[in-house]
Amino acid sequence: MSRGRLHCVGRNARAPAKRKRRVHICGTSPMHRESPPARTIFLNLSTSLPIKLPDTAMTSTPSASSTTAAECPGLTRQFLAAKFEAGLSWDDYLATGKPAQQESWKSIYNQVALSDAQRKLLADFGREMHVICLSGLWCGDCVQQGPLLQRIAEGSDRIHLVWLDRDQHKDLSNLIQINQGARVPTVVFLAEDDEFVGLYGDRTLTRYRAMADSQLGPSCPLPGAPVPTDQLLATLQDWLDEFERMQLLLRLSPRLRQKHGD
C-alpha cells in the first residue's frame, strides 16, 4: 500500500529523509577584508512554505557598524571624489621628489611627444574624465610611464589628471592591488561626477613584452617585442588606447547620455 511517495513496508517504516540545502548569505561586499561569519539557513525542498530571511541578509552592502570604513571604504563615489580632490598637479607632484628623481621624469617627458593623429583623437574627446594616477617618484616603471600619461592629459581639456603617492594613500592602494601587490603606476578612471569607471596598470603590453624579451633570455623569445628605441612611443600608444576606451565608455553611457541629452 502506498500514498504518493510514501511507501509503508512495516509498522516501523519511515518516510525518506527530507533533503536540506545549505545557503550561505554574507552581508559584506567581497571588496572588504573583514566579513562577519556567513549566516546559514536550511531550505526544506519538500515544502513550499515561504522562509523569511533576516532584514540584514537582504542588504547588498554592509552597515557602517559592520565594517571599518576608515581602513576599507570601498571604491565609492564619495571616497574617490575625496582622493581626486587630494591629488596633485604634475608640477606639484614632481616638486615632492629629489632633484635626481625630478630630472629623470622630465627627461622622459621631453623625449616623447604626441603625433598629429594622437592630438586629433584627444581633441575629439567629449566627456569629462577625472583620472587619478597612483604612483611613486622612486619607481622605475612610473618614471618611464608617468610622463606619457601627462602628455596624454595635456592633449585634451576633458582629461583632468591628478597624482597621488602610493605610500601616502595606502587606503586607496590596498583597494586596487594587482595580483595581491601594491603595484604602480595604477590609473583609476572616474566619470565627471567621480563614479568609478575602471583602472589600468601597472605596465602596458609593450612594457611587459620588452621586459620579457630582456629578462627571459633568448631561449624564450616573444614575437612582436618592440626594440628599446621604440618602447616609449609604443607605450604611449598603449596608454592612449586605454584612455580612448574609457572615453568611449563614458560617451556611450546611457546614464550620461540622458544627463547631457546627447
Protein backbone atom coordinates (compact mmCIF):
# COMPACT_ATOMS: atom_id res chain seq x y z
CA MET A 1 0.00 0.00 0.00
CA SER A 2 1.41 3.40 -0.89
CA ARG A 3 0.33 7.00 -0.85
CA GLY A 4 2.20 9.36 -3.14
CA ARG A 5 5.88 8.87 -2.48
CA LEU A 6 5.48 7.33 0.99
CA HIS A 7 5.88 3.53 0.89
CA CYS A 8 4.83 1.66 4.05
CA VAL A 9 6.52 -1.72 4.33
CA GLY A 10 6.05 -2.36 8.02
CA ARG A 11 4.99 -0.82 11.28
CA ASN A 12 8.39 0.78 11.81
CA ALA A 13 8.76 2.06 8.27
CA ARG A 14 9.81 5.69 7.96
CA ALA A 15 9.37 8.26 5.25
CA PRO A 16 12.51 9.04 3.22
CA ALA A 17 14.65 11.71 4.82
CA LYS A 18 13.92 15.18 3.56
CA ARG A 19 16.75 16.81 1.68
CA LYS A 20 18.13 20.03 3.01
CA ARG A 21 20.15 22.57 1.13
CA ARG A 22 22.58 24.90 2.85
CA VAL A 23 22.59 28.51 1.70
CA HIS A 24 25.23 31.00 2.76
CA ILE A 25 24.32 34.65 2.86
CA CYS A 26 27.09 37.11 3.53
CA GLY A 27 26.18 40.70 4.25
CA THR A 28 29.55 42.06 3.31
CA SER A 29 30.88 43.06 -0.10
CA PRO A 30 33.77 40.91 -1.41
CA MET A 31 35.96 44.01 -1.51
CA HIS A 32 36.06 44.20 2.27
CA ARG A 33 38.63 42.10 4.01
CA GLU A 34 36.81 41.74 7.31
CA SER A 35 33.48 39.97 6.96
CA PRO A 36 31.11 38.64 9.58
CA PRO A 37 30.59 34.86 9.58
CA ALA A 38 28.13 33.78 6.90
CA ARG A 39 24.64 33.10 8.22
CA THR A 40 23.35 29.62 7.42
CA ILE A 41 19.73 28.70 6.84
CA PHE A 42 18.15 25.46 5.69
CA LEU A 43 15.63 25.27 2.89
CA ASN A 44 13.20 22.35 3.08
CA LEU A 45 12.81 21.20 -0.51
CA SER A 46 9.66 19.20 0.25
CA THR A 47 7.58 22.21 1.25
CA SER A 48 6.53 25.38 -0.48
CA LEU A 49 6.17 27.39 2.71
CA PRO A 50 7.89 30.79 2.44
CA ILE A 51 11.01 31.36 4.51
CA LYS A 52 11.60 34.82 5.92
CA LEU A 53 15.21 35.97 5.88
CA PRO A 54 16.61 38.48 8.36
CA ASP A 55 16.49 42.06 7.11
CA THR A 56 20.28 42.31 7.30
CA ALA A 57 20.63 39.42 4.86
CA MET A 58 18.80 41.34 2.17
CA THR A 59 21.24 44.25 2.02
CA SER A 60 23.96 44.28 -0.61
CA THR A 61 26.37 46.47 1.35
CA PRO A 62 27.37 46.34 5.00
CA SER A 63 26.16 48.85 7.53
CA ALA A 64 28.58 51.35 8.99
CA SER A 65 28.86 49.26 12.12
CA SER A 66 29.86 46.08 10.30
CA THR A 67 33.00 47.40 8.61
CA THR A 68 35.85 49.78 9.28
CA ALA A 69 35.20 52.50 6.74
CA ALA A 70 38.46 54.28 7.52
CA GLU A 71 40.54 51.21 6.60
CA CYS A 72 38.46 49.81 3.75
CA PRO A 73 35.91 52.32 2.48
CA GLY A 74 35.46 50.73 -0.93
CA LEU A 75 35.59 52.50 -4.26
CA THR A 76 32.56 54.64 -3.53
CA ARG A 77 31.94 57.93 -5.28
CA GLN A 78 32.49 59.87 -2.07
CA PHE A 79 35.81 58.15 -1.35
CA LEU A 80 37.09 58.58 -4.90
CA ALA A 81 35.97 62.21 -5.03
CA ALA A 82 37.99 62.92 -1.90
CA LYS A 83 41.02 61.20 -3.42
CA PHE A 84 40.68 63.15 -6.64
CA GLU A 85 40.42 66.39 -4.69
CA ALA A 86 43.58 65.48 -2.75
CA GLY A 87 45.52 64.79 -5.95
CA LEU A 88 48.47 66.94 -7.03
CA SER A 89 49.16 68.56 -10.36
CA TRP A 90 52.11 67.40 -12.44
CA ASP A 91 54.38 70.23 -11.28
CA ASP A 92 53.38 69.92 -7.63
CA TYR A 93 53.88 66.17 -7.70
CA LEU A 94 57.36 66.39 -9.21
CA ALA A 95 58.28 69.02 -6.63
CA THR A 96 57.87 66.42 -3.87
CA GLY A 97 60.76 64.37 -5.26
CA LYS A 98 64.50 64.65 -5.03
CA PRO A 99 66.35 66.60 -7.75
CA ALA A 100 67.59 63.42 -9.43
CA GLN A 101 64.07 61.99 -9.49
CA GLN A 102 62.65 65.16 -10.97
CA GLU A 103 65.30 65.14 -13.66
CA SER A 104 64.52 61.53 -14.62
CA TRP A 105 60.81 62.28 -15.04
CA LYS A 106 61.44 65.46 -17.03
CA SER A 107 63.92 63.67 -19.28
CA ILE A 108 61.32 61.09 -20.35
CA TYR A 109 58.71 63.82 -20.74
CA ASN A 110 60.97 65.74 -23.12
CA GLN A 111 61.80 62.60 -25.07
CA VAL A 112 58.25 61.92 -26.28
CA ALA A 113 55.54 63.92 -27.99
CA LEU A 114 52.08 63.24 -29.35
CA SER A 115 51.72 62.67 -33.06
CA ASP A 116 49.27 64.72 -35.12
CA ALA A 117 46.85 61.77 -35.22
CA GLN A 118 47.04 61.36 -31.46
CA ARG A 119 46.43 65.05 -30.85
CA LYS A 120 43.41 64.95 -33.14
CA LEU A 121 41.99 61.95 -31.34
CA LEU A 122 42.32 63.62 -27.96
CA ALA A 123 40.86 66.87 -29.23
CA ASP A 124 37.67 65.00 -30.10
CA PHE A 125 37.09 63.76 -26.54
CA GLY A 126 33.68 64.98 -25.40
CA ARG A 127 33.22 63.64 -21.89
CA GLU A 128 34.95 64.99 -18.81
CA MET A 129 37.30 62.43 -17.28
CA HIS A 130 38.70 62.55 -13.77
CA VAL A 131 41.86 60.46 -13.65
CA ILE A 132 43.93 59.50 -10.61
CA CYS A 133 47.44 58.12 -11.07
CA LEU A 134 48.74 56.26 -8.04
CA SER A 135 52.47 56.45 -8.41
CA GLY A 136 55.91 56.74 -6.82
CA LEU A 137 58.64 59.12 -7.92
CA TRP A 138 61.18 56.44 -6.97
CA CYS A 139 59.57 53.80 -9.19
CA GLY A 140 61.28 52.91 -12.47
CA ASP A 141 58.05 51.94 -14.20
CA CYS A 142 56.48 55.21 -13.09
CA VAL A 143 59.45 57.15 -14.46
CA GLN A 144 59.00 55.51 -17.85
CA GLN A 145 55.20 55.76 -17.99
CA GLY A 146 54.15 58.71 -15.84
CA PRO A 147 55.41 61.37 -18.26
CA LEU A 148 53.50 59.64 -21.05
CA LEU A 149 50.28 59.99 -19.06
CA GLN A 150 50.99 63.68 -18.60
CA ARG A 151 51.48 64.11 -22.34
CA ILE A 152 48.11 62.46 -22.97
CA ALA A 153 46.34 64.62 -20.38
CA GLU A 154 47.78 67.78 -21.92
CA GLY A 155 46.28 66.79 -25.26
CA SER A 156 42.67 67.21 -24.09
CA ASP A 157 40.96 69.76 -21.88
CA ARG A 158 38.49 66.99 -20.98
CA ILE A 159 41.10 64.96 -19.11
CA HIS A 160 41.78 66.07 -15.54
CA LEU A 161 44.76 64.09 -14.29
CA VAL A 162 45.99 64.20 -10.68
CA TRP A 163 48.81 62.37 -8.94
CA LEU A 164 48.91 60.54 -5.61
CA ASP A 165 51.87 58.95 -3.88
CA ARG A 166 51.18 55.29 -3.23
CA ASP A 167 52.73 55.19 0.22
CA GLN A 168 50.78 58.24 1.38
CA HIS A 169 47.46 56.83 0.19
CA LYS A 170 47.56 53.21 1.28
CA ASP A 171 43.79 53.16 1.79
CA LEU A 172 43.41 53.52 -1.98
CA SER A 173 46.41 51.36 -2.80
CA ASN A 174 45.03 48.47 -0.75
CA LEU A 175 41.77 48.56 -2.69
CA ILE A 176 43.31 48.41 -6.15
CA GLN A 177 46.03 45.83 -5.70
CA ILE A 178 47.06 43.86 -8.78
CA ASN A 179 47.89 40.19 -8.22
CA GLN A 180 47.96 40.96 -4.48
CA GLY A 181 50.60 43.62 -4.99
CA ALA A 182 50.54 47.38 -4.45
CA ARG A 183 51.81 47.99 -7.96
CA VAL A 184 52.42 51.35 -9.56
CA PRO A 185 51.65 53.13 -11.69
CA THR A 186 47.97 52.31 -11.48
CA VAL A 187 45.46 54.67 -13.03
CA VAL A 188 41.89 54.99 -11.76
CA PHE A 189 39.40 56.37 -14.28
CA LEU A 190 36.37 58.28 -12.99
CA ALA A 191 33.37 59.89 -14.63
CA GLU A 192 32.73 63.60 -14.37
CA ASP A 193 30.83 63.03 -11.11
CA ASP A 194 33.60 60.79 -9.69
CA GLU A 195 31.79 57.50 -10.25
CA PHE A 196 34.24 54.64 -10.71
CA VAL A 197 34.74 53.65 -14.36
CA GLY A 198 37.82 51.45 -14.44
CA LEU A 199 41.51 51.08 -13.64
CA TYR A 200 44.61 50.17 -15.57
CA GLY A 201 48.17 49.30 -14.57
CA ASP A 202 50.87 48.60 -13.74
CA ARG A 203 52.56 48.08 -17.10
CA THR A 204 51.22 48.11 -20.61
CA LEU A 205 51.64 45.23 -23.04
CA THR A 206 54.59 46.95 -24.68
CA ARG A 207 56.36 47.25 -21.34
CA TYR A 208 55.75 43.61 -20.48
CA ARG A 209 56.94 42.41 -23.88
CA ALA A 210 60.14 44.40 -23.53
CA MET A 211 60.72 43.09 -20.00
CA ALA A 212 60.07 39.50 -21.06
CA ASP A 213 62.39 39.88 -24.03
CA SER A 214 65.23 41.10 -21.83
CA GLN A 215 64.67 39.02 -18.69
CA LEU A 216 63.51 35.65 -20.01
CA GLY A 217 66.52 35.33 -22.28
CA PRO A 218 66.99 34.29 -25.92
CA SER A 219 65.67 30.82 -25.18
CA CYS A 220 62.19 32.26 -24.69
CA PRO A 221 61.75 34.96 -27.33
CA LEU A 222 58.40 36.70 -27.61
CA PRO A 223 57.29 37.55 -31.16
CA GLY A 224 56.47 41.20 -31.64
CA ALA A 225 58.52 42.51 -28.71
CA PRO A 226 59.46 46.08 -29.61
CA VAL A 227 63.06 47.26 -29.71
CA PRO A 228 64.06 49.59 -26.87
CA THR A 229 64.21 52.71 -29.05
CA ASP A 230 60.54 52.37 -29.92
CA GLN A 231 59.41 51.40 -26.46
CA LEU A 232 58.36 54.80 -25.17
CA LEU A 233 56.24 55.69 -28.19
CA ALA A 234 54.65 52.26 -28.25
CA THR A 235 53.86 52.51 -24.54
CA LEU A 236 52.39 55.95 -25.11
CA GLN A 237 50.04 54.44 -27.68
CA ASP A 238 49.10 51.64 -25.27
CA TRP A 239 48.03 54.18 -22.68
CA LEU A 240 46.25 56.31 -25.24
CA ASP A 241 44.24 53.28 -26.36
CA GLU A 242 43.04 52.80 -22.80
CA PHE A 243 42.12 56.47 -22.44
CA GLU A 244 40.15 56.22 -25.67
CA ARG A 245 38.36 53.09 -24.46
CA MET A 246 37.34 54.83 -21.24
CA GLN A 247 36.26 57.91 -23.16
CA LEU A 248 34.02 55.84 -25.43
CA LEU A 249 32.57 54.05 -22.42
CA LEU A 250 31.62 57.42 -20.96
CA ARG A 251 30.42 58.81 -24.28
CA LEU A 252 28.07 55.86 -24.82
CA SER A 253 26.93 55.62 -21.20
CA PRO A 254 23.10 55.67 -21.07
CA ARG A 255 23.27 57.47 -17.75
CA LEU A 256 25.45 60.27 -19.07
CA ARG A 257 23.65 60.49 -22.41
CA GLN A 258 20.41 61.04 -20.57
CA LYS A 259 22.05 63.65 -18.37
CA HIS A 260 23.52 65.59 -21.30
CA GLY A 261 20.73 64.93 -23.80
CA ASP A 262 23.07 63.52 -26.44
